[in-house]
Amino acid sequence: MLRVGKIEYLNTVPVYYGFIKGVVKCKEVEFVEDVPSELNRLLREGFLDVSVVSSYEYITNWDKYLVLPDLSISAYRKVKSVLFFSKVPIHQLHRKDVWITRSSMTSRELLKYLLKNVYGVEPNFYYYSMKEGGLPKNPKALLAIGDDALKLLPKRTFPFVYDLAEEWFNLTGLPFVFAVWAVRRDSYEKKREKVRELYRKLIESRDFGERSFDEICSAYSKKIPLNEKSCRNYLNCLNFHLGEEEESSLKTFSEKIGKPFKLYYLEI
């Protein structure tokens, strides 16, 4: 049995949609659903065999994992679901209180880098969890990701909204890679054929999901809620592949945050 991590946000539905609809089947697989930071921990500590993980998790623990080729959650320019909300312009946040979701590792490291090195501000960081206590009361600025960001944006509570993928693109001209799929090296050594079969099925499911955006939005948009057009526009911002530009972006990100790494792929 393979234990496989699955994020509970709309942005990964296309990758798993073949499984969700039952058109792609894979024996002896148990999906475990949670927020990104918890899936990172579960994979790191050996409670999962394979999972979508924050790119920061791979960068900082690359010796434990193999990356599944051609799979990522990336975005050119805007991503629309990794957003920094502020009541004042970002350059006015020096020594001000900034709240960061505990659900993401990559997004918070990217935000910290941008604030310090692009905008020259070093706020006081605090952390919140939507599962444990919800949004902080009357925050001056906060980072939200995934469906939580999509829900917060239409409320227009914050006059200044910064899309972190767009900030990265403006800085580097590259897409930003928020997450990759990885297998633990020890799991792969013990379960090679099962892992390879899962990988083939993930690609098949992803390809099916990319052809099914209208159907996905019809089924999932009301849960956020979004209208179907906004849902489709959101999914169109996302890239579920991992090519040369995405690899270059991962390398650039690791260099900027001082975390050099090596990219090792699963052999298929």
C-alpha atoms as a PDB file:
ATOM      1  CA  MET A   1       0.000   0.000   0.000  1.00  0.00           C
ATOM      2  CA  LEU A   2       1.226   3.491  -0.910  1.00  0.00           C
ATOM      3  CA  ARG A   3       0.173   6.408   1.244  1.00  0.00           C
ATOM      4  CA  VAL A   4      -0.131   9.469  -1.002  1.00  0.00           C
ATOM      5  CA  GLY A   5      -0.568  13.082   0.086  1.00  0.00           C
ATOM      6  CA  LYS A   6      -3.268  15.257  -1.469  1.00  0.00           C
ATOM      7  CA  ILE A   7      -3.753  18.994  -0.797  1.00  0.00           C
ATOM      8  CA  GLU A   8      -7.293  20.015   0.061  1.00  0.00           C
ATOM      9  CA  TYR A   9      -7.297  23.052  -2.268  1.00  0.00           C
ATOM     10  CA  LEU A  10      -8.794  23.653  -5.710  1.00  0.00           C
ATOM     11  CA  ASN A  11      -5.333  24.148  -7.203  1.00  0.00           C
ATOM     12  CA  THR A  12      -4.539  20.429  -7.079  1.00  0.00           C
ATOM     13  CA  VAL A  13      -7.937  19.112  -8.196  1.00  0.00           C
ATOM     14  CA  PRO A  14      -6.861  18.923 -11.880  1.00  0.00           C
ATOM     15  CA  VAL A  15      -3.972  16.598 -11.007  1.00  0.00           C
ATOM     16  CA  TYR A  16      -6.205  14.222  -9.046  1.00  0.00           C
ATOM     17  CA  TYR A  17      -9.337  14.625 -11.133  1.00  0.00           C
ATOM     18  CA  GLY A  18      -8.926  11.354 -13.000  1.00  0.00           C
ATOM     19  CA  PHE A  19      -8.875   9.547  -9.650  1.00  0.00           C
ATOM     20  CA  ILE A  20     -11.761  11.633  -8.309  1.00  0.00           C
ATOM     21  CA  LYS A  21     -13.948  10.770 -11.313  1.00  0.00           C
ATOM     22  CA  GLY A  22     -12.905   7.133 -11.316  1.00  0.00           C
ATOM     23  CA  VAL A  23     -11.572   7.162 -14.883  1.00  0.00           C
ATOM     24  CA  VAL A  24      -8.045   6.514 -13.584  1.00  0.00           C
ATOM     25  CA  LYS A  25      -7.573   3.689 -11.116  1.00  0.00           C
ATOM     26  CA  CYS A  26      -4.502   2.702  -9.129  1.00  0.00           C
ATOM     27  CA  LYS A  27      -4.472  -0.301  -6.829  1.00  0.00           C
ATOM     28  CA  GLU A  28      -3.131  -0.238  -3.294  1.00  0.00           C
ATOM     29  CA  VAL A  29      -3.116   3.553  -2.911  1.00  0.00           C
ATOM     30  CA  GLU A  30      -4.483   5.472   0.070  1.00  0.00           C
ATOM     31  CA  PHE A  31      -4.876   9.227  -0.378  1.00  0.00           C
ATOM     32  CA  VAL A  32      -4.266  11.401   2.688  1.00  0.00           C
ATOM     33  CA  GLU A  33      -5.687  14.918   2.464  1.00  0.00           C
ATOM     34  CA  ASP A  34      -4.331  17.900   4.408  1.00  0.00           C
ATOM     35  CA  VAL A  35      -2.851  21.394   4.107  1.00  0.00           C
ATOM     36  CA  PRO A  36       0.587  21.740   2.438  1.00  0.00           C
ATOM     37  CA  SER A  37       2.649  22.247   5.589  1.00  0.00           C
ATOM     38  CA  GLU A  38       1.179  19.145   7.228  1.00  0.00           C
ATOM     39  CA  LEU A  39       1.766  17.014   4.128  1.00  0.00           C
ATOM     40  CA  ASN A  40       5.369  18.245   4.154  1.00  0.00           C
ATOM     41  CA  ARG A  41       5.759  16.991   7.718  1.00  0.00           C
ATOM     42  CA  LEU A  42       4.055  13.667   7.055  1.00  0.00           C
ATOM     43  CA  LEU A  43       6.297  12.942   4.075  1.00  0.00           C
ATOM     44  CA  ARG A  44       9.439  14.139   5.858  1.00  0.00           C
ATOM     45  CA  GLU A  45       8.719  11.927   8.883  1.00  0.00           C
ATOM     46  CA  GLY A  46       7.839   8.849   6.825  1.00  0.00           C
ATOM     47  CA  PHE A  47       4.073   8.749   7.347  1.00  0.00           C
ATOM     48  CA  LEU A  48       3.587   9.171   3.580  1.00  0.00           C
ATOM     49  CA  ASP A  49       5.385   7.548   0.682  1.00  0.00           C
ATOM     50  CA  VAL A  50       4.556  10.099  -2.023  1.00  0.00           C
ATOM     51  CA  SER A  51       3.074  13.564  -1.832  1.00  0.00           C
ATOM     52  CA  VAL A  52       2.724  16.949  -3.369  1.00  0.00           C
ATOM     53  CA  VAL A  53       5.095  19.053  -1.229  1.00  0.00           C
ATOM     54  CA  SER A  54       6.115  22.678  -0.975  1.00  0.00           C
ATOM     55  CA  SER A  55       9.083  23.423  -3.209  1.00  0.00           C
ATOM     56  CA  TYR A  56      10.773  24.803  -0.072  1.00  0.00           C
ATOM     57  CA  GLU A  57      10.380  21.392   1.559  1.00  0.00           C
ATOM     58  CA  TYR A  58      12.166  19.727  -1.342  1.00  0.00           C
ATOM     59  CA  ILE A  59      14.868  22.398  -1.451  1.00  0.00           C
ATOM     60  CA  THR A  60      15.646  22.019   2.257  1.00  0.00           C
ATOM     61  CA  ASN A  61      15.410  18.193   2.379  1.00  0.00           C
ATOM     62  CA  TRP A  62      16.357  17.185  -1.158  1.00  0.00           C
ATOM     63  CA  ASP A  63      18.537  14.306   0.056  1.00  0.00           C
ATOM     64  CA  LYS A  64      15.421  12.493   1.345  1.00  0.00           C
ATOM     65  CA  TYR A  65      13.366  12.695  -1.874  1.00  0.00           C
ATOM     66  CA  LEU A  66      13.108  12.056  -5.582  1.00  0.00           C
ATOM     67  CA  VAL A  67      10.986  14.461  -7.658  1.00  0.00           C
ATOM     68  CA  LEU A  68       8.295  13.044  -9.931  1.00  0.00           C
ATOM     69  CA  PRO A  69       9.019  14.418 -13.435  1.00  0.00           C
ATOM     70  CA  ASP A  70       6.735  16.891 -15.196  1.00  0.00           C
ATOM     71  CA  LEU A  71       4.484  17.577 -12.202  1.00  0.00           C
ATOM     72  CA  SER A  72       4.239  20.832 -10.272  1.00  0.00           C
ATOM     73  CA  ILE A  73       1.966  23.616  -9.138  1.00  0.00           C
ATOM     74  CA  SER A  74       3.471  26.647 -10.815  1.00  0.00           C
ATOM     75  CA  ALA A  75       2.300  29.965 -12.203  1.00  0.00           C
ATOM     76  CA  TYR A  76       3.432  32.581 -14.678  1.00  0.00           C
ATOM     77  CA  ARG A  77       2.734  36.116 -13.584  1.00  0.00           C
ATOM     78  CA  LYS A  78      -0.382  35.879 -11.386  1.00  0.00           C
ATOM     79  CA  VAL A  79      -1.372  32.808  -9.407  1.00  0.00           C
ATOM     80  CA  LYS A  80      -4.423  34.441  -7.728  1.00  0.00           C
ATOM     81  CA  SER A  81      -4.317  32.140  -4.699  1.00  0.00           C
ATOM     82  CA  VAL A  82      -1.065  33.129  -2.973  1.00  0.00           C
ATOM     83  CA  LEU A  83      -1.841  36.656  -1.910  1.00  0.00           C
ATOM     84  CA  PHE A  84      -0.410  39.177   0.512  1.00  0.00           C
ATOM     85  CA  PHE A  85      -3.161  41.470   1.810  1.00  0.00           C
ATOM     86  CA  SER A  86      -2.295  44.800   3.420  1.00  0.00           C
ATOM     87  CA  LYS A  87      -4.088  47.890   4.687  1.00  0.00           C
ATOM     88  CA  VAL A  88      -1.084  50.054   3.825  1.00  0.00           C
ATOM     89  CA  PRO A  89       1.400  50.029   0.928  1.00  0.00           C
ATOM     90  CA  ILE A  90       3.924  47.255   1.373  1.00  0.00           C
ATOM     91  CA  HIS A  91       6.885  49.610   1.873  1.00  0.00           C
ATOM     92  CA  GLN A  92       5.173  50.995   4.994  1.00  0.00           C
ATOM     93  CA  LEU A  93       5.226  47.665   6.839  1.00  0.00           C
ATOM     94  CA  HIS A  94       8.669  47.957   8.443  1.00  0.00           C
ATOM     95  CA  ARG A  95       8.367  46.819  12.081  1.00  0.00           C
ATOM     96  CA  LYS A  96       4.608  46.472  11.668  1.00  0.00           C
ATOM     97  CA  ASP A  97       2.751  43.249  12.536  1.00  0.00           C
ATOM     98  CA  VAL A  98       2.350  40.832   9.622  1.00  0.00           C
ATOM     99  CA  TRP A  99       0.436  37.569   9.910  1.00  0.00           C
ATOM    100  CA  ILE A 100       1.461  34.490   7.927  1.00  0.00           C
ATOM    101  CA  THR A 101      -0.538  31.309   7.445  1.00  0.00           C
ATOM    102  CA  ARG A 102       0.974  28.172   8.945  1.00  0.00           C
ATOM    103  CA  SER A 103      -0.393  26.184   5.989  1.00  0.00           C
ATOM    104  CA  SER A 104       2.448  27.010   3.607  1.00  0.00           C
ATOM    105  CA  MET A 105       6.237  26.882   3.765  1.00  0.00           C
ATOM    106  CA  THR A 106       7.162  28.047   0.261  1.00  0.00           C
ATOM    107  CA  SER A 107       4.850  31.053   0.215  1.00  0.00           C
ATOM    108  CA  ARG A 108       5.991  32.382   3.561  1.00  0.00           C
ATOM    109  CA  GLU A 109       9.676  32.042   2.627  1.00  0.00           C
ATOM    110  CA  LEU A 110       9.004  33.804  -0.672  1.00  0.00           C
ATOM    111  CA  LEU A 111       7.148  36.585   1.142  1.00  0.00           C
ATOM    112  CA  LYS A 112       9.941  37.045   3.665  1.00  0.00           C
ATOM    113  CA  TYR A 113      12.484  37.278   0.868  1.00  0.00           C
ATOM    114  CA  LEU A 114      10.438  39.821  -1.095  1.00  0.00           C
ATOM    115  CA  LEU A 115       9.709  41.999   1.925  1.00  0.00           C
ATOM    116  CA  LYS A 116      13.331  42.185   3.024  1.00  0.00           C
ATOM    117  CA  ASN A 117      15.245  42.150  -0.259  1.00  0.00           C
ATOM    118  CA  VAL A 118      12.872  43.840  -2.703  1.00  0.00           C
ATOM    119  CA  TYR A 119      10.917  46.228  -0.488  1.00  0.00           C
ATOM    120  CA  GLY A 120      13.469  46.730   2.287  1.00  0.00           C
ATOM    121  CA  VAL A 121      11.094  46.109   5.169  1.00  0.00           C
ATOM    122  CA  GLU A 122      11.405  43.722   8.106  1.00  0.00           C
ATOM    123  CA  PRO A 123       8.031  43.342   9.821  1.00  0.00           C
ATOM    124  CA  ASN A 124       7.172  41.542  13.035  1.00  0.00           C
ATOM    125  CA  PHE A 125       5.926  38.132  11.889  1.00  0.00           C
ATOM    126  CA  TYR A 126       3.121  36.231  13.577  1.00  0.00           C
ATOM    127  CA  TYR A 127       1.486  32.992  12.498  1.00  0.00           C
ATOM    128  CA  TYR A 128      -2.121  31.906  12.251  1.00  0.00           C
ATOM    129  CA  SER A 129      -3.953  28.722  11.326  1.00  0.00           C
ATOM    130  CA  MET A 130      -7.369  28.536   9.686  1.00  0.00           C
ATOM    131  CA  LYS A 131      -7.863  25.115  11.295  1.00  0.00           C
ATOM    132  CA  GLU A 132      -6.911  26.163  14.815  1.00  0.00           C
ATOM    133  CA  GLY A 133      -8.206  29.688  15.208  1.00  0.00           C
ATOM    134  CA  GLY A 134      -9.083  31.254  11.892  1.00  0.00           C
ATOM    135  CA  LEU A 135      -8.015  34.673  10.707  1.00  0.00           C
ATOM    136  CA  PRO A 136      -6.448  37.086  13.208  1.00  0.00           C
ATOM    137  CA  LYS A 137      -8.650  39.969  14.290  1.00  0.00           C
ATOM    138  CA  ASN A 138      -8.165  43.210  12.369  1.00  0.00           C
ATOM    139  CA  PRO A 139      -4.670  42.475  11.010  1.00  0.00           C
ATOM    140  CA  LYS A 140      -2.689  45.191   9.271  1.00  0.00           C
ATOM    141  CA  ALA A 141      -1.363  42.651   6.749  1.00  0.00           C
ATOM    142  CA  LEU A 142      -1.544  38.909   6.199  1.00  0.00           C
ATOM    143  CA  LEU A 143      -0.524  36.142   3.806  1.00  0.00           C
ATOM    144  CA  ALA A 144      -3.262  33.757   2.663  1.00  0.00           C
ATOM    145  CA  ILE A 145      -3.012  30.819   0.270  1.00  0.00           C
ATOM    146  CA  GLY A 146      -5.190  28.418  -1.681  1.00  0.00           C
ATOM    147  CA  ASP A 147      -8.933  28.483  -1.237  1.00  0.00           C
ATOM    148  CA  ASP A 148      -8.553  30.780   1.784  1.00  0.00           C
ATOM    149  CA  ALA A 149      -7.007  33.466  -0.438  1.00  0.00           C
ATOM    150  CA  LEU A 150      -9.693  32.979  -3.091  1.00  0.00           C
ATOM    151  CA  LYS A 151     -12.384  33.457  -0.428  1.00  0.00           C
ATOM    152  CA  LEU A 152     -10.764  36.560   1.066  1.00  0.00           C
ATOM    153  CA  LEU A 153     -10.112  38.446  -2.180  1.00  0.00           C
ATOM    154  CA  PRO A 154     -13.754  39.333  -3.088  1.00  0.00           C
ATOM    155  CA  LYS A 155     -14.406  40.781   0.375  1.00  0.00           C
ATOM    156  CA  ARG A 156     -12.156  43.757  -0.445  1.00  0.00           C
ATOM    157  CA  THR A 157     -11.182  44.167   3.213  1.00  0.00           C
ATOM    158  CA  PHE A 158      -7.656  45.160   2.233  1.00  0.00           C
ATOM    159  CA  PRO A 159      -6.973  47.970  -0.254  1.00  0.00           C
ATOM    160  CA  PHE A 160      -3.538  46.562  -1.206  1.00  0.00           C
ATOM    161  CA  VAL A 161      -3.225  43.044  -2.582  1.00  0.00           C
ATOM    162  CA  TYR A 162       0.065  41.585  -3.832  1.00  0.00           C
ATOM    163  CA  ASP A 163       0.165  38.395  -5.886  1.00  0.00           C
ATOM    164  CA  LEU A 164       3.410  36.639  -4.944  1.00  0.00           C
ATOM    165  CA  ALA A 165       3.800  34.849  -8.282  1.00  0.00           C
ATOM    166  CA  GLU A 166       3.511  38.191 -10.052  1.00  0.00           C
ATOM    167  CA  GLU A 167       6.046  39.733  -7.665  1.00  0.00           C
ATOM    168  CA  TRP A 168       8.453  36.885  -8.466  1.00  0.00           C
ATOM    169  CA  PHE A 169       7.895  37.191 -12.221  1.00  0.00           C
ATOM    170  CA  ASN A 170       8.538  40.945 -12.084  1.00  0.00           C
ATOM    171  CA  LEU A 171      11.799  40.234 -10.259  1.00  0.00           C
ATOM    172  CA  THR A 172      13.103  37.281 -12.302  1.00  0.00           C
ATOM    173  CA  GLY A 173      11.020  36.859 -15.474  1.00  0.00           C
ATOM    174  CA  LEU A 174      10.404  33.263 -14.403  1.00  0.00           C
ATOM    175  CA  PRO A 175       7.347  31.279 -13.334  1.00  0.00           C
ATOM    176  CA  PHE A 176       7.194  30.477  -9.655  1.00  0.00           C
ATOM    177  CA  VAL A 177       7.072  26.851  -8.530  1.00  0.00           C
ATOM    178  CA  PHE A 178       4.984  26.541  -5.396  1.00  0.00           C
ATOM    179  CA  ALA A 179       4.971  22.750  -5.130  1.00  0.00           C
ATOM    180  CA  VAL A 180       6.307  19.553  -6.664  1.00  0.00           C
ATOM    181  CA  TRP A 181       5.453  15.894  -6.267  1.00  0.00           C
ATOM    182  CA  ALA A 182       8.079  13.794  -4.490  1.00  0.00           C
ATOM    183  CA  VAL A 183       8.648  10.255  -3.252  1.00  0.00           C
ATOM    184  CA  ARG A 184      10.737   9.327  -0.245  1.00  0.00           C
ATOM    185  CA  ARG A 185      13.939   7.613  -1.345  1.00  0.00           C
ATOM    186  CA  ASP A 186      13.448   4.778   1.124  1.00  0.00           C
ATOM    187  CA  SER A 187       9.867   4.222  -0.076  1.00  0.00           C
ATOM    188  CA  TYR A 188      11.073   4.075  -3.660  1.00  0.00           C
ATOM    189  CA  GLU A 189      13.745   1.500  -2.772  1.00  0.00           C
ATOM    190  CA  LYS A 190      11.107  -0.754  -1.201  1.00  0.00           C
ATOM    191  CA  LYS A 191       8.215  -0.143  -3.608  1.00  0.00           C
ATOM    192  CA  ARG A 192       9.752   0.745  -6.967  1.00  0.00           C
ATOM    193  CA  GLU A 193       7.087  -0.692  -9.267  1.00  0.00           C
ATOM    194  CA  LYS A 194       4.192   0.630  -7.193  1.00  0.00           C
ATOM    195  CA  VAL A 195       5.721   4.119  -7.219  1.00  0.00           C
ATOM    196  CA  ARG A 196       6.312   4.016 -10.972  1.00  0.00           C
ATOM    197  CA  GLU A 197       2.748   2.829 -11.554  1.00  0.00           C
ATOM    198  CA  LEU A 198       1.407   5.634  -9.351  1.00  0.00           C
ATOM    199  CA  TYR A 199       3.474   8.146 -11.298  1.00  0.00           C
ATOM    200  CA  ARG A 200       2.057   6.964 -14.627  1.00  0.00           C
ATOM    201  CA  LYS A 201      -1.447   7.192 -13.199  1.00  0.00           C
ATOM    202  CA  LEU A 202      -0.829  10.689 -11.811  1.00  0.00           C
ATOM    203  CA  ILE A 203       0.214  11.882 -15.254  1.00  0.00           C
ATOM    204  CA  GLU A 204      -2.851  10.244 -16.795  1.00  0.00           C
ATOM    205  CA  SER A 205      -5.065  11.849 -14.144  1.00  0.00           C
ATOM    206  CA  ARG A 206      -3.402  15.263 -14.619  1.00  0.00           C
ATOM    207  CA  ASP A 207      -3.892  15.110 -18.392  1.00  0.00           C
ATOM    208  CA  PHE A 208      -7.561  14.233 -17.879  1.00  0.00           C
ATOM    209  CA  GLY A 209      -7.951  17.079 -15.387  1.00  0.00           C
ATOM    210  CA  GLU A 210      -6.412  19.611 -17.768  1.00  0.00           C
ATOM    211  CA  ARG A 211      -9.086  18.694 -20.309  1.00  0.00           C
ATOM    212  CA  SER A 212     -11.843  19.033 -17.711  1.00  0.00           C
ATOM    213  CA  PHE A 213     -11.571  22.602 -16.374  1.00  0.00           C
ATOM    214  CA  ASP A 214     -15.190  23.442 -17.198  1.00  0.00           C
ATOM    215  CA  GLU A 215     -16.426  20.331 -15.434  1.00  0.00           C
ATOM    216  CA  ILE A 216     -14.167  20.955 -12.437  1.00  0.00           C
ATOM    217  CA  CYS A 217     -15.397  24.539 -12.098  1.00  0.00           C
ATOM    218  CA  SER A 218     -19.005  23.425 -12.352  1.00  0.00           C
ATOM    219  CA  ALA A 219     -18.436  20.987  -9.498  1.00  0.00           C
ATOM    220  CA  TYR A 220     -16.092  22.968  -7.238  1.00  0.00           C
ATOM    221  CA  SER A 221     -16.616  26.698  -7.752  1.00  0.00           C
ATOM    222  CA  LYS A 222     -19.604  26.933  -5.398  1.00  0.00           C
ATOM    223  CA  LYS A 223     -17.598  25.393  -2.557  1.00  0.00           C
ATOM    224  CA  ILE A 224     -15.225  28.367  -2.358  1.00  0.00           C
ATOM    225  CA  PRO A 225     -17.428  30.231  -3.578  1.00  0.00           C
ATOM    226  CA  LEU A 226     -16.435  31.529  -7.027  1.00  0.00           C
ATOM    227  CA  ASN A 227     -18.451  31.945 -10.157  1.00  0.00           C
ATOM    228  CA  GLU A 228     -17.517  29.463 -12.862  1.00  0.00           C
ATOM    229  CA  LYS A 229     -15.851  32.060 -15.075  1.00  0.00           C
ATOM    230  CA  SER A 230     -13.575  33.201 -12.233  1.00  0.00           C
ATOM    231  CA  CYS A 231     -12.814  29.588 -11.413  1.00  0.00           C
ATOM    232  CA  ARG A 232     -11.795  28.899 -15.012  1.00  0.00           C
ATOM    233  CA  ASN A 233      -9.648  32.041 -15.113  1.00  0.00           C
ATOM    234  CA  TYR A 234      -7.953  30.899 -11.928  1.00  0.00           C
ATOM    235  CA  LEU A 235      -7.174  27.400 -13.207  1.00  0.00           C
ATOM    236  CA  ASN A 236      -5.859  28.899 -16.442  1.00  0.00           C
ATOM    237  CA  CYS A 237      -3.219  30.749 -14.380  1.00  0.00           C
ATOM    238  CA  LEU A 238      -1.821  27.485 -13.086  1.00  0.00           C
ATOM    239  CA  ASN A 239       0.764  25.228 -14.676  1.00  0.00           C
ATOM    240  CA  PHE A 240       0.859  21.559 -13.646  1.00  0.00           C
ATOM    241  CA  HIS A 241       4.067  20.674 -15.515  1.00  0.00           C
ATOM    242  CA  LEU A 242       7.744  20.891 -14.582  1.00  0.00           C
ATOM    243  CA  GLY A 243      10.045  21.938 -17.405  1.00  0.00           C
ATOM    244  CA  GLU A 244      13.291  23.847 -17.912  1.00  0.00           C
ATOM    245  CA  GLU A 245      11.920  27.237 -16.878  1.00  0.00           C
ATOM    246  CA  GLU A 246      10.427  25.794 -13.719  1.00  0.00           C
ATOM    247  CA  GLU A 247      13.732  24.071 -12.908  1.00  0.00           C
ATOM    248  CA  SER A 248      15.535  27.378 -13.437  1.00  0.00           C
ATOM    249  CA  SER A 249      13.063  29.093 -11.126  1.00  0.00           C
ATOM    250  CA  LEU A 250      13.594  26.510  -8.384  1.00  0.00           C
ATOM    251  CA  LYS A 251      17.349  27.010  -8.652  1.00  0.00           C
ATOM    252  CA  THR A 252      17.005  30.803  -8.605  1.00  0.00           C
ATOM    253  CA  PHE A 253      14.704  30.691  -5.575  1.00  0.00           C
ATOM    254  CA  SER A 254      17.067  28.396  -3.671  1.00  0.00           C
ATOM    255  CA  GLU A 255      20.010  30.691  -4.392  1.00  0.00           C
ATOM    256  CA  LYS A 256      18.151  33.803  -3.286  1.00  0.00           C
ATOM    257  CA  ILE A 257      17.163  32.261   0.046  1.00  0.00           C
ATOM    258  CA  GLY A 258      20.604  30.705   0.582  1.00  0.00           C
ATOM    259  CA  LYS A 259      19.508  27.069   0.310  1.00  0.00           C
ATOM    260  CA  PRO A 260      21.479  25.374  -2.497  1.00  0.00           C
ATOM    261  CA  PHE A 261      20.114  21.971  -3.504  1.00  0.00           C
ATOM    262  CA  LYS A 262      20.273  19.236  -6.120  1.00  0.00           C
ATOM    263  CA  LEU A 263      17.328  18.160  -8.251  1.00  0.00           C
ATOM    264  CA  TYR A 264      16.994  14.390  -8.464  1.00  0.00           C
ATOM    265  CA  TYR A 265      14.189  12.810 -10.469  1.00  0.00           C
ATOM    266  CA  LEU A 266      12.403   9.511 -10.113  1.00  0.00           C
ATOM    267  CA  GLU A 267      13.646   7.083 -12.773  1.00  0.00           C
ATOM    268  CA  ILE A 268      10.737   6.126 -15.022  1.00  0.00           C
END
